[in-house]
């Protein structure tokens, strides 16, 4: 009977994921997805706890109820055109579930149904968090936490479909697993002029090239070589034609690091380098940091417990230690002690 139930839940999860994949919604706009989730939970007679939509939060009372464990999935998609010919391809042009959030949601719905069928086996309270807006800054996690979603929660777990992991494997990292995500904008105010007379200008594009090179020295000469950090300039905005030096140039990019200390070092050095180089050339430089999500750092003591459970329940060959990556996520394995 148990195996039959699990097979049924697996089939339902696949069906749910494909439906969600065909009907993706962008961050903060997941109202149809939210209704889909609410109807399923209501059908299972699971109590909905009202938080700011489109996030959905629900609670299942445990047999003892002295502890509360939260399980979290993110529900938003990305502004990406999906290509391919699979029958469940996105039906919304320019929007697609390319980061696995449809799978996360489908899995948590299956877990919710299993718990609803096996309440007598669950001693702690179980909170279900279907979180909106993981892909943007500020993230939906910030809003939920500020509204008190974790008040009274003793532990929270989440999962992420991991493209680099072999099918059938379950992976985990103890400690830092994914990077912080902070962005920056730098505006260089120079003095424009004709390209044939550069000596009469303060060329912000030339200054921008010095900044970009100097930022890489922060990584190579200011960070401990065993500490991971990334500074990437992804956009340079300057000028409108080939033979005119503009007044201003703008650099836009991202900072990634695996510890808050490394983030702080990078930001301090970037601000100092920006000010110094721009002044050296007679320009003004202004840097603005757009603070995103902190590093994903799993509690090592409790992540070891998770590893032991995976090995015991699924077999030694199923578990795999995962190398940290510089991608970002606004969720991590958190425990109160």
C-alpha atoms as a PDB file:
ATOM      1  CA  UNK A   1       0.000   0.000   0.000  1.00  0.00           C
ATOM      2  CA  UNK A   2       2.818   2.374   0.904  1.00  0.00           C
ATOM      3  CA  UNK A   3       4.650   1.698  -2.360  1.00  0.00           C
ATOM      4  CA  UNK A   4       1.410   2.214  -4.282  1.00  0.00           C
ATOM      5  CA  UNK A   5       0.877   5.570  -2.560  1.00  0.00           C
ATOM      6  CA  UNK A   6       4.421   6.693  -3.339  1.00  0.00           C
ATOM      7  CA  UNK A   7       4.023   5.711  -6.981  1.00  0.00           C
ATOM      8  CA  UNK A   8       0.777   7.653  -7.143  1.00  0.00           C
ATOM      9  CA  UNK A   9       2.406  10.710  -5.548  1.00  0.00           C
ATOM     10  CA  UNK A  10       5.297  10.482  -8.003  1.00  0.00           C
ATOM     11  CA  UNK A  11       2.926  10.437 -10.953  1.00  0.00           C
ATOM     12  CA  UNK A  12       0.983  13.374  -9.487  1.00  0.00           C
ATOM     13  CA  UNK A  13       4.209  15.353  -8.971  1.00  0.00           C
ATOM     14  CA  UNK A  14       5.200  14.808 -12.606  1.00  0.00           C
ATOM     15  CA  UNK A  15       1.761  15.924 -13.779  1.00  0.00           C
ATOM     16  CA  UNK A  16       1.867  18.990 -11.514  1.00  0.00           C
ATOM     17  CA  UNK A  17       5.332  19.969 -12.672  1.00  0.00           C
ATOM     18  CA  UNK A  18       4.366  19.782 -16.311  1.00  0.00           C
ATOM     19  CA  UNK A  19       1.264  21.881 -15.700  1.00  0.00           C
ATOM     20  CA  UNK A  20       3.330  24.498 -13.840  1.00  0.00           C
ATOM     21  CA  UNK A  21       5.982  24.382 -16.553  1.00  0.00           C
ATOM     22  CA  UNK A  22       3.363  25.204 -19.171  1.00  0.00           C
ATOM     23  CA  UNK A  23       1.975  28.052 -17.055  1.00  0.00           C
ATOM     24  CA  UNK A  24       4.958  29.977 -15.650  1.00  0.00           C
ATOM     25  CA  UNK A  25       4.657  33.351 -13.945  1.00  0.00           C
ATOM     26  CA  UNK A  26       7.266  35.989 -13.200  1.00  0.00           C
ATOM     27  CA  UNK A  27       8.416  37.021  -9.729  1.00  0.00           C
ATOM     28  CA  UNK A  28       5.672  38.717  -7.744  1.00  0.00           C
ATOM     29  CA  UNK A  29       3.068  37.839 -10.364  1.00  0.00           C
ATOM     30  CA  UNK A  30       2.466  34.177  -9.483  1.00  0.00           C
ATOM     31  CA  UNK A  31      -1.242  34.569  -8.704  1.00  0.00           C
ATOM     32  CA  UNK A  32      -2.479  31.714 -10.891  1.00  0.00           C
ATOM     33  CA  UNK A  33       0.241  29.481  -9.461  1.00  0.00           C
ATOM     34  CA  UNK A  34      -0.792  30.591  -5.983  1.00  0.00           C
ATOM     35  CA  UNK A  35      -4.432  29.656  -6.655  1.00  0.00           C
ATOM     36  CA  UNK A  36      -3.346  26.261  -7.987  1.00  0.00           C
ATOM     37  CA  UNK A  37      -1.427  25.597  -4.774  1.00  0.00           C
ATOM     38  CA  UNK A  38      -4.184  26.878  -2.464  1.00  0.00           C
ATOM     39  CA  UNK A  39      -6.842  24.730  -4.109  1.00  0.00           C
ATOM     40  CA  UNK A  40      -4.675  21.629  -3.733  1.00  0.00           C
ATOM     41  CA  UNK A  41      -3.968  22.336  -0.057  1.00  0.00           C
ATOM     42  CA  UNK A  42      -7.613  23.099   0.655  1.00  0.00           C
ATOM     43  CA  UNK A  43      -8.596  19.831  -1.015  1.00  0.00           C
ATOM     44  CA  UNK A  44      -6.199  18.072   1.362  1.00  0.00           C
ATOM     45  CA  UNK A  45      -7.833  19.972   4.262  1.00  0.00           C
ATOM     46  CA  UNK A  46      -4.552  21.641   5.157  1.00  0.00           C
ATOM     47  CA  UNK A  47      -4.867  24.935   7.003  1.00  0.00           C
ATOM     48  CA  UNK A  48      -3.794  28.018   5.027  1.00  0.00           C
ATOM     49  CA  UNK A  49      -1.961  30.644   7.084  1.00  0.00           C
ATOM     50  CA  UNK A  50      -2.554  34.059   5.565  1.00  0.00           C
ATOM     51  CA  UNK A  51       0.582  35.899   4.470  1.00  0.00           C
ATOM     52  CA  UNK A  52       1.073  38.477   1.731  1.00  0.00           C
ATOM     53  CA  UNK A  53       0.174  36.873  -1.633  1.00  0.00           C
ATOM     54  CA  UNK A  54       1.228  35.469  -3.982  1.00  0.00           C
ATOM     55  CA  UNK A  55       3.268  33.429  -1.485  1.00  0.00           C
ATOM     56  CA  UNK A  56       1.282  30.593   0.100  1.00  0.00           C
ATOM     57  CA  UNK A  57       1.909  29.377   3.646  1.00  0.00           C
ATOM     58  CA  UNK A  58       0.145  26.429   5.301  1.00  0.00           C
ATOM     59  CA  UNK A  59       0.398  24.565   8.597  1.00  0.00           C
ATOM     60  CA  UNK A  60      -0.121  20.917   9.514  1.00  0.00           C
ATOM     61  CA  UNK A  61      -0.391  20.252  13.254  1.00  0.00           C
ATOM     62  CA  UNK A  62       1.814  17.450  14.565  1.00  0.00           C
ATOM     63  CA  UNK A  63       0.898  14.783  17.090  1.00  0.00           C
ATOM     64  CA  UNK A  64       3.040  16.506  19.719  1.00  0.00           C
ATOM     65  CA  UNK A  65       3.441  19.977  18.260  1.00  0.00           C
ATOM     66  CA  UNK A  66       6.286  21.078  20.524  1.00  0.00           C
ATOM     67  CA  UNK A  67       8.536  21.745  17.531  1.00  0.00           C
ATOM     68  CA  UNK A  68       7.826  23.253  14.111  1.00  0.00           C
ATOM     69  CA  UNK A  69       9.666  22.301  10.938  1.00  0.00           C
ATOM     70  CA  UNK A  70       9.216  24.411   7.812  1.00  0.00           C
ATOM     71  CA  UNK A  71       9.546  23.062   4.259  1.00  0.00           C
ATOM     72  CA  UNK A  72      10.084  25.622   1.522  1.00  0.00           C
ATOM     73  CA  UNK A  73       9.713  25.756  -2.274  1.00  0.00           C
ATOM     74  CA  UNK A  74      10.007  28.751  -4.612  1.00  0.00           C
ATOM     75  CA  UNK A  75       7.333  29.263  -7.266  1.00  0.00           C
ATOM     76  CA  UNK A  76       8.476  31.964  -9.736  1.00  0.00           C
ATOM     77  CA  UNK A  77       9.804  31.631 -13.283  1.00  0.00           C
ATOM     78  CA  UNK A  78      12.288  33.634 -15.356  1.00  0.00           C
ATOM     79  CA  UNK A  79      11.898  36.127 -18.242  1.00  0.00           C
ATOM     80  CA  UNK A  80      13.415  33.700 -20.761  1.00  0.00           C
ATOM     81  CA  UNK A  81      12.169  32.355 -24.099  1.00  0.00           C
ATOM     82  CA  UNK A  82      12.019  28.554 -23.899  1.00  0.00           C
ATOM     83  CA  UNK A  83      13.120  26.602 -26.944  1.00  0.00           C
ATOM     84  CA  UNK A  84      12.489  22.976 -27.825  1.00  0.00           C
ATOM     85  CA  UNK A  85       9.649  20.693 -28.810  1.00  0.00           C
ATOM     86  CA  UNK A  86       8.601  18.975 -25.575  1.00  0.00           C
ATOM     87  CA  UNK A  87       4.802  18.706 -25.252  1.00  0.00           C
ATOM     88  CA  UNK A  88       4.744  20.654 -21.976  1.00  0.00           C
ATOM     89  CA  UNK A  89       6.760  23.656 -23.205  1.00  0.00           C
ATOM     90  CA  UNK A  90       5.895  27.073 -21.742  1.00  0.00           C
ATOM     91  CA  UNK A  91       2.667  28.514 -23.120  1.00  0.00           C
ATOM     92  CA  UNK A  92       3.623  32.054 -22.105  1.00  0.00           C
ATOM     93  CA  UNK A  93       6.012  33.721 -24.582  1.00  0.00           C
ATOM     94  CA  UNK A  94       9.115  35.094 -22.911  1.00  0.00           C
ATOM     95  CA  UNK A  95       8.472  33.393 -19.562  1.00  0.00           C
ATOM     96  CA  UNK A  96       9.784  29.966 -18.582  1.00  0.00           C
ATOM     97  CA  UNK A  97      10.645  27.766 -15.627  1.00  0.00           C
ATOM     98  CA  UNK A  98      14.354  27.391 -16.372  1.00  0.00           C
ATOM     99  CA  UNK A  99      15.575  27.145 -12.777  1.00  0.00           C
ATOM    100  CA  UNK A 100      13.512  24.194 -11.558  1.00  0.00           C
ATOM    101  CA  UNK A 101      11.010  26.059  -9.403  1.00  0.00           C
ATOM    102  CA  UNK A 102       8.155  24.163 -11.042  1.00  0.00           C
ATOM    103  CA  UNK A 103       9.803  20.971  -9.808  1.00  0.00           C
ATOM    104  CA  UNK A 104      10.324  22.363  -6.318  1.00  0.00           C
ATOM    105  CA  UNK A 105       6.641  23.293  -6.088  1.00  0.00           C
ATOM    106  CA  UNK A 106       5.447  19.941  -7.430  1.00  0.00           C
ATOM    107  CA  UNK A 107       7.635  18.053  -4.960  1.00  0.00           C
ATOM    108  CA  UNK A 108       6.407  20.064  -1.982  1.00  0.00           C
ATOM    109  CA  UNK A 109       2.786  19.499  -3.050  1.00  0.00           C
ATOM    110  CA  UNK A 110       3.502  15.757  -3.117  1.00  0.00           C
ATOM    111  CA  UNK A 111       5.081  15.991   0.342  1.00  0.00           C
ATOM    112  CA  UNK A 112       2.026  17.891   1.578  1.00  0.00           C
ATOM    113  CA  UNK A 113      -0.252  15.113   0.327  1.00  0.00           C
ATOM    114  CA  UNK A 114       1.907  12.418   1.942  1.00  0.00           C
ATOM    115  CA  UNK A 115       1.798  14.250   5.281  1.00  0.00           C
ATOM    116  CA  UNK A 116      -1.959  14.713   5.000  1.00  0.00           C
ATOM    117  CA  UNK A 117      -2.299  10.927   4.553  1.00  0.00           C
ATOM    118  CA  UNK A 118       0.143  10.123   7.381  1.00  0.00           C
ATOM    119  CA  UNK A 119      -0.509  12.734  10.061  1.00  0.00           C
ATOM    120  CA  UNK A 120      -0.163  10.156  12.811  1.00  0.00           C
ATOM    121  CA  UNK A 121       3.499   9.667  11.855  1.00  0.00           C
ATOM    122  CA  UNK A 122       4.430  13.370  12.173  1.00  0.00           C
ATOM    123  CA  UNK A 123       5.243  14.520  15.686  1.00  0.00           C
ATOM    124  CA  UNK A 124       6.324  18.124  14.933  1.00  0.00           C
ATOM    125  CA  UNK A 125       4.183  20.753  13.298  1.00  0.00           C
ATOM    126  CA  UNK A 126       4.940  21.058   9.582  1.00  0.00           C
ATOM    127  CA  UNK A 127       4.839  24.487   7.927  1.00  0.00           C
ATOM    128  CA  UNK A 128       4.671  24.557   4.126  1.00  0.00           C
ATOM    129  CA  UNK A 129       6.113  27.677   2.477  1.00  0.00           C
ATOM    130  CA  UNK A 130       5.526  28.250  -1.236  1.00  0.00           C
ATOM    131  CA  UNK A 131       7.611  31.390  -1.702  1.00  0.00           C
ATOM    132  CA  UNK A 132       7.113  34.026  -4.362  1.00  0.00           C
ATOM    133  CA  UNK A 133       9.852  36.058  -6.033  1.00  0.00           C
ATOM    134  CA  UNK A 134      13.075  34.163  -5.428  1.00  0.00           C
ATOM    135  CA  UNK A 135      14.574  35.499  -8.653  1.00  0.00           C
ATOM    136  CA  UNK A 136      14.490  39.223  -7.865  1.00  0.00           C
ATOM    137  CA  UNK A 137      15.882  41.697  -5.328  1.00  0.00           C
ATOM    138  CA  UNK A 138      14.517  42.167  -2.747  1.00  0.00           C
ATOM    139  CA  UNK A 139      13.382  38.575  -2.713  1.00  0.00           C
ATOM    140  CA  UNK A 140      10.096  37.130  -1.537  1.00  0.00           C
ATOM    141  CA  UNK A 141      11.952  35.518   1.360  1.00  0.00           C
ATOM    142  CA  UNK A 142      12.667  38.968   2.808  1.00  0.00           C
ATOM    143  CA  UNK A 143       8.998  39.883   2.816  1.00  0.00           C
ATOM    144  CA  UNK A 144       7.924  36.613   4.424  1.00  0.00           C
ATOM    145  CA  UNK A 145      10.565  36.830   7.147  1.00  0.00           C
ATOM    146  CA  UNK A 146       9.736  40.466   7.896  1.00  0.00           C
ATOM    147  CA  UNK A 147       6.104  39.390   8.258  1.00  0.00           C
ATOM    148  CA  UNK A 148       7.124  36.774  10.830  1.00  0.00           C
ATOM    149  CA  UNK A 149       6.828  33.545   8.839  1.00  0.00           C
ATOM    150  CA  UNK A 150       9.708  31.972  10.775  1.00  0.00           C
ATOM    151  CA  UNK A 151       8.523  33.049  14.213  1.00  0.00           C
ATOM    152  CA  UNK A 152       8.258  29.837  16.210  1.00  0.00           C
ATOM    153  CA  UNK A 153       9.949  27.748  13.511  1.00  0.00           C
ATOM    154  CA  UNK A 154      12.732  25.509  14.856  1.00  0.00           C
ATOM    155  CA  UNK A 155      14.173  24.320  11.548  1.00  0.00           C
ATOM    156  CA  UNK A 156      13.596  24.945   7.855  1.00  0.00           C
ATOM    157  CA  UNK A 157      14.498  22.728   4.900  1.00  0.00           C
ATOM    158  CA  UNK A 158      14.453  23.243   1.169  1.00  0.00           C
ATOM    159  CA  UNK A 159      15.786  21.542  -1.918  1.00  0.00           C
ATOM    160  CA  UNK A 160      17.038  22.584  -5.318  1.00  0.00           C
ATOM    161  CA  UNK A 161      17.064  20.584  -8.525  1.00  0.00           C
ATOM    162  CA  UNK A 162      20.763  20.439  -9.404  1.00  0.00           C
ATOM    163  CA  UNK A 163      21.644  20.182 -13.094  1.00  0.00           C
ATOM    164  CA  UNK A 164      25.183  18.969 -12.479  1.00  0.00           C
ATOM    165  CA  UNK A 165      24.076  16.109 -10.245  1.00  0.00           C
ATOM    166  CA  UNK A 166      23.525  12.680 -11.756  1.00  0.00           C
ATOM    167  CA  UNK A 167      19.901  11.530 -11.862  1.00  0.00           C
ATOM    168  CA  UNK A 168      19.030   9.553  -8.741  1.00  0.00           C
ATOM    169  CA  UNK A 169      21.641  11.267  -6.575  1.00  0.00           C
ATOM    170  CA  UNK A 170      21.014  13.510  -3.554  1.00  0.00           C
ATOM    171  CA  UNK A 171      23.701  16.103  -2.903  1.00  0.00           C
ATOM    172  CA  UNK A 172      24.598  18.468  -0.108  1.00  0.00           C
ATOM    173  CA  UNK A 173      27.367  20.818   0.975  1.00  0.00           C
ATOM    174  CA  UNK A 174      28.292  21.344   4.601  1.00  0.00           C
ATOM    175  CA  UNK A 175      28.689  25.059   5.250  1.00  0.00           C
ATOM    176  CA  UNK A 176      28.884  27.562   2.354  1.00  0.00           C
ATOM    177  CA  UNK A 177      27.063  26.148  -0.663  1.00  0.00           C
ATOM    178  CA  UNK A 178      25.953  29.082  -2.834  1.00  0.00           C
ATOM    179  CA  UNK A 179      27.143  32.657  -3.078  1.00  0.00           C
ATOM    180  CA  UNK A 180      25.763  35.987  -2.008  1.00  0.00           C
ATOM    181  CA  UNK A 181      24.192  38.052  -4.772  1.00  0.00           C
ATOM    182  CA  UNK A 182      24.843  41.797  -4.695  1.00  0.00           C
ATOM    183  CA  UNK A 183      24.845  44.098  -7.709  1.00  0.00           C
ATOM    184  CA  UNK A 184      26.540  47.419  -8.355  1.00  0.00           C
ATOM    185  CA  UNK A 185      26.259  50.465 -10.574  1.00  0.00           C
ATOM    186  CA  UNK A 186      29.156  52.846 -11.132  1.00  0.00           C
ATOM    187  CA  UNK A 187      28.771  56.200 -12.853  1.00  0.00           C
ATOM    188  CA  UNK A 188      31.904  57.965 -14.083  1.00  0.00           C
ATOM    189  CA  UNK A 189      31.507  61.673 -14.693  1.00  0.00           C
ATOM    190  CA  UNK A 190      34.160  62.930 -17.071  1.00  0.00           C
ATOM    191  CA  UNK A 191      34.247  65.607 -19.776  1.00  0.00           C
ATOM    192  CA  UNK A 192      33.263  64.800 -23.302  1.00  0.00           C
ATOM    193  CA  UNK A 193      34.581  66.063 -26.608  1.00  0.00           C
ATOM    194  CA  UNK A 194      35.523  65.098 -30.112  1.00  0.00           C
ATOM    195  CA  UNK A 195      37.374  61.831 -30.609  1.00  0.00           C
ATOM    196  CA  UNK A 196      40.074  63.635 -32.587  1.00  0.00           C
ATOM    197  CA  UNK A 197      40.992  65.788 -29.568  1.00  0.00           C
ATOM    198  CA  UNK A 198      41.146  63.395 -26.588  1.00  0.00           C
ATOM    199  CA  UNK A 199      43.592  65.687 -24.760  1.00  0.00           C
ATOM    200  CA  UNK A 200      40.749  68.151 -24.218  1.00  0.00           C
ATOM    201  CA  UNK A 201      38.510  65.551 -22.606  1.00  0.00           C
ATOM    202  CA  UNK A 202      38.353  63.411 -19.496  1.00  0.00           C
ATOM    203  CA  UNK A 203      37.461  60.142 -21.163  1.00  0.00           C
ATOM    204  CA  UNK A 204      35.077  58.115 -18.940  1.00  0.00           C
ATOM    205  CA  UNK A 205      35.320  55.050 -21.212  1.00  0.00           C
ATOM    206  CA  UNK A 206      39.087  54.926 -20.833  1.00  0.00           C
ATOM    207  CA  UNK A 207      38.705  55.353 -17.073  1.00  0.00           C
ATOM    208  CA  UNK A 208      36.106  52.547 -17.033  1.00  0.00           C
ATOM    209  CA  UNK A 209      38.648  50.211 -18.629  1.00  0.00           C
ATOM    210  CA  UNK A 210      41.089  50.904 -15.780  1.00  0.00           C
ATOM    211  CA  UNK A 211      38.385  50.229 -13.207  1.00  0.00           C
ATOM    212  CA  UNK A 212      37.506  46.884 -14.762  1.00  0.00           C
ATOM    213  CA  UNK A 213      41.127  45.731 -14.673  1.00  0.00           C
ATOM    214  CA  UNK A 214      41.682  47.011 -11.142  1.00  0.00           C
ATOM    215  CA  UNK A 215      38.616  45.183  -9.828  1.00  0.00           C
ATOM    216  CA  UNK A 216      40.201  41.890 -10.776  1.00  0.00           C
ATOM    217  CA  UNK A 217      43.212  42.752  -8.604  1.00  0.00           C
ATOM    218  CA  UNK A 218      40.832  42.898  -5.638  1.00  0.00           C
ATOM    219  CA  UNK A 219      40.076  39.223  -6.199  1.00  0.00           C
ATOM    220  CA  UNK A 220      43.688  38.208  -6.882  1.00  0.00           C
ATOM    221  CA  UNK A 221      45.519  40.451  -4.395  1.00  0.00           C
ATOM    222  CA  UNK A 222      43.111  41.366  -1.585  1.00  0.00           C
ATOM    223  CA  UNK A 223      41.312  38.084  -0.944  1.00  0.00           C
ATOM    224  CA  UNK A 224      42.844  35.020   0.625  1.00  0.00           C
ATOM    225  CA  UNK A 225      43.399  32.645  -2.325  1.00  0.00           C
ATOM    226  CA  UNK A 226      41.225  29.987  -0.623  1.00  0.00           C
ATOM    227  CA  UNK A 227      38.283  32.408  -0.348  1.00  0.00           C
ATOM    228  CA  UNK A 228      35.927  32.526  -3.321  1.00  0.00           C
ATOM    229  CA  UNK A 229      34.894  35.868  -4.770  1.00  0.00           C
ATOM    230  CA  UNK A 230      33.701  37.162  -8.136  1.00  0.00           C
ATOM    231  CA  UNK A 231      33.369  40.665  -9.585  1.00  0.00           C
ATOM    232  CA  UNK A 232      31.722  40.688 -13.002  1.00  0.00           C
ATOM    233  CA  UNK A 233      30.928  43.752 -15.095  1.00  0.00           C
ATOM    234  CA  UNK A 234      28.098  42.702 -17.367  1.00  0.00           C
ATOM    235  CA  UNK A 235      27.107  46.037 -18.891  1.00  0.00           C
ATOM    236  CA  UNK A 236      28.983  49.127 -20.075  1.00  0.00           C
ATOM    237  CA  UNK A 237      26.810  52.057 -21.075  1.00  0.00           C
ATOM    238  CA  UNK A 238      28.554  55.001 -22.720  1.00  0.00           C
ATOM    239  CA  UNK A 239      28.378  57.153 -25.802  1.00  0.00           C
ATOM    240  CA  UNK A 240      26.052  57.266 -28.789  1.00  0.00           C
ATOM    241  CA  UNK A 241      28.423  57.426 -31.754  1.00  0.00           C
ATOM    242  CA  UNK A 242      31.902  56.332 -32.808  1.00  0.00           C
ATOM    243  CA  UNK A 243      33.781  59.638 -32.904  1.00  0.00           C
ATOM    244  CA  UNK A 244      32.542  61.480 -29.815  1.00  0.00           C
ATOM    245  CA  UNK A 245      33.896  60.924 -26.305  1.00  0.00           C
ATOM    246  CA  UNK A 246      30.903  61.052 -23.926  1.00  0.00           C
ATOM    247  CA  UNK A 247      30.616  62.909 -20.641  1.00  0.00           C
ATOM    248  CA  UNK A 248      29.654  59.840 -18.656  1.00  0.00           C
ATOM    249  CA  UNK A 249      30.014  56.080 -18.576  1.00  0.00           C
ATOM    250  CA  UNK A 250      28.213  53.541 -16.454  1.00  0.00           C
ATOM    251  CA  UNK A 251      29.356  50.086 -15.342  1.00  0.00           C
ATOM    252  CA  UNK A 252      26.786  47.588 -14.083  1.00  0.00           C
ATOM    253  CA  UNK A 253      27.688  44.234 -12.619  1.00  0.00           C
ATOM    254  CA  UNK A 254      27.454  41.670  -9.866  1.00  0.00           C
ATOM    255  CA  UNK A 255      29.476  40.594  -6.815  1.00  0.00           C
ATOM    256  CA  UNK A 256      29.486  37.003  -5.566  1.00  0.00           C
ATOM    257  CA  UNK A 257      31.130  35.579  -2.440  1.00  0.00           C
ATOM    258  CA  UNK A 258      30.719  32.647  -0.053  1.00  0.00           C
ATOM    259  CA  UNK A 259      31.115  34.546   3.227  1.00  0.00           C
ATOM    260  CA  UNK A 260      29.787  37.895   4.496  1.00  0.00           C
ATOM    261  CA  UNK A 261      33.361  38.914   5.360  1.00  0.00           C
ATOM    262  CA  UNK A 262      34.458  38.476   1.745  1.00  0.00           C
ATOM    263  CA  UNK A 263      31.473  40.517   0.546  1.00  0.00           C
ATOM    264  CA  UNK A 264      32.458  43.334   2.911  1.00  0.00           C
ATOM    265  CA  UNK A 265      36.091  43.283   1.744  1.00  0.00           C
ATOM    266  CA  UNK A 266      35.106  43.407  -1.936  1.00  0.00           C
ATOM    267  CA  UNK A 267      32.687  46.296  -1.435  1.00  0.00           C
ATOM    268  CA  UNK A 268      35.158  48.383   0.595  1.00  0.00           C
ATOM    269  CA  UNK A 269      37.937  47.848  -1.946  1.00  0.00           C
ATOM    270  CA  UNK A 270      35.683  48.564  -4.938  1.00  0.00           C
ATOM    271  CA  UNK A 271      34.566  51.843  -3.393  1.00  0.00           C
ATOM    272  CA  UNK A 272      38.181  52.838  -2.664  1.00  0.00           C
ATOM    273  CA  UNK A 273      39.452  51.862  -6.129  1.00  0.00           C
ATOM    274  CA  UNK A 274      36.574  53.656  -7.871  1.00  0.00           C
ATOM    275  CA  UNK A 275      37.174  56.885  -5.985  1.00  0.00           C
ATOM    276  CA  UNK A 276      40.968  56.751  -6.360  1.00  0.00           C
ATOM    277  CA  UNK A 277      41.186  55.937 -10.065  1.00  0.00           C
ATOM    278  CA  UNK A 278      38.509  58.427 -11.061  1.00  0.00           C
ATOM    279  CA  UNK A 279      40.210  61.208  -9.056  1.00  0.00           C
ATOM    280  CA  UNK A 280      43.582  60.329 -10.598  1.00  0.00           C
ATOM    281  CA  UNK A 281      42.157  61.039 -14.046  1.00  0.00           C
ATOM    282  CA  UNK A 282      40.281  64.158 -12.962  1.00  0.00           C
ATOM    283  CA  UNK A 283      36.852  62.509 -13.048  1.00  0.00           C
ATOM    284  CA  UNK A 284      34.234  61.778 -10.411  1.00  0.00           C
ATOM    285  CA  UNK A 285      33.149  58.241  -9.664  1.00  0.00           C
ATOM    286  CA  UNK A 286      30.031  57.219  -7.796  1.00  0.00           C
ATOM    287  CA  UNK A 287      29.343  53.593  -6.852  1.00  0.00           C
ATOM    288  CA  UNK A 288      26.010  52.232  -5.680  1.00  0.00           C
ATOM    289  CA  UNK A 289      25.665  48.736  -4.237  1.00  0.00           C
ATOM    290  CA  UNK A 290      22.304  46.986  -4.642  1.00  0.00           C
ATOM    291  CA  UNK A 291      22.212  44.567  -1.729  1.00  0.00           C
ATOM    292  CA  UNK A 292      20.651  41.220  -2.587  1.00  0.00           C
ATOM    293  CA  UNK A 293      20.802  37.915  -0.745  1.00  0.00           C
ATOM    294  CA  UNK A 294      23.532  36.713   1.629  1.00  0.00           C
ATOM    295  CA  UNK A 295      25.600  33.561   1.062  1.00  0.00           C
ATOM    296  CA  UNK A 296      23.796  30.244   1.397  1.00  0.00           C
ATOM    297  CA  UNK A 297      25.545  28.663   4.393  1.00  0.00           C
ATOM    298  CA  UNK A 298      24.146  25.400   5.718  1.00  0.00           C
ATOM    299  CA  UNK A 299      24.423  24.657   9.420  1.00  0.00           C
ATOM    300  CA  UNK A 300      27.202  22.064   9.385  1.00  0.00           C
ATOM    301  CA  UNK A 301      26.130  20.078  12.435  1.00  0.00           C
ATOM    302  CA  UNK A 302      22.611  19.556  11.175  1.00  0.00           C
ATOM    303  CA  UNK A 303      23.576  19.117   7.534  1.00  0.00           C
ATOM    304  CA  UNK A 304      25.687  16.165   8.735  1.00  0.00           C
ATOM    305  CA  UNK A 305      22.491  14.702  10.195  1.00  0.00           C
ATOM    306  CA  UNK A 306      20.777  15.174   6.819  1.00  0.00           C
ATOM    307  CA  UNK A 307      23.637  13.349   5.130  1.00  0.00           C
ATOM    308  CA  UNK A 308      23.369  10.427   7.534  1.00  0.00           C
ATOM    309  CA  UNK A 309      19.601  10.173   6.958  1.00  0.00           C
ATOM    310  CA  UNK A 310      20.072  10.133   3.178  1.00  0.00           C
ATOM    311  CA  UNK A 311      22.735   7.418   3.424  1.00  0.00           C
ATOM    312  CA  UNK A 312      20.612   5.287   5.753  1.00  0.00           C
ATOM    313  CA  UNK A 313      17.316   5.669   3.885  1.00  0.00           C
ATOM    314  CA  UNK A 314      18.504   5.632   0.261  1.00  0.00           C
ATOM    315  CA  UNK A 315      21.898   3.943   0.335  1.00  0.00           C
ATOM    316  CA  UNK A 316      25.535   4.998   0.485  1.00  0.00           C
ATOM    317  CA  UNK A 317      25.813   5.382  -3.287  1.00  0.00           C
ATOM    318  CA  UNK A 318      22.932   7.873  -3.486  1.00  0.00           C
ATOM    319  CA  UNK A 319      24.557  10.627  -1.437  1.00  0.00           C
ATOM    320  CA  UNK A 320      27.111  12.944  -3.040  1.00  0.00           C
ATOM    321  CA  UNK A 321      28.989  15.930  -1.649  1.00  0.00           C
ATOM    322  CA  UNK A 322      28.372  18.930  -3.914  1.00  0.00           C
ATOM    323  CA  UNK A 323      31.014  21.556  -4.626  1.00  0.00           C
ATOM    324  CA  UNK A 324      29.983  25.120  -3.702  1.00  0.00           C
ATOM    325  CA  UNK A 325      28.937  27.310  -6.632  1.00  0.00           C
ATOM    326  CA  UNK A 326      28.808  31.064  -7.161  1.00  0.00           C
ATOM    327  CA  UNK A 327      25.166  31.072  -8.191  1.00  0.00           C
ATOM    328  CA  UNK A 328      22.752  32.548  -5.661  1.00  0.00           C
ATOM    329  CA  UNK A 329      19.702  31.420  -3.693  1.00  0.00           C
ATOM    330  CA  UNK A 330      17.700  33.184  -0.980  1.00  0.00           C
ATOM    331  CA  UNK A 331      17.186  29.977   1.022  1.00  0.00           C
ATOM    332  CA  UNK A 332      19.559  27.889   3.097  1.00  0.00           C
ATOM    333  CA  UNK A 333      19.383  25.028   5.585  1.00  0.00           C
ATOM    334  CA  UNK A 334      18.656  26.834   8.850  1.00  0.00           C
ATOM    335  CA  UNK A 335      18.313  25.558  12.379  1.00  0.00           C
ATOM    336  CA  UNK A 336      17.617  27.312  15.653  1.00  0.00           C
ATOM    337  CA  UNK A 337      19.768  26.140  18.520  1.00  0.00           C
END
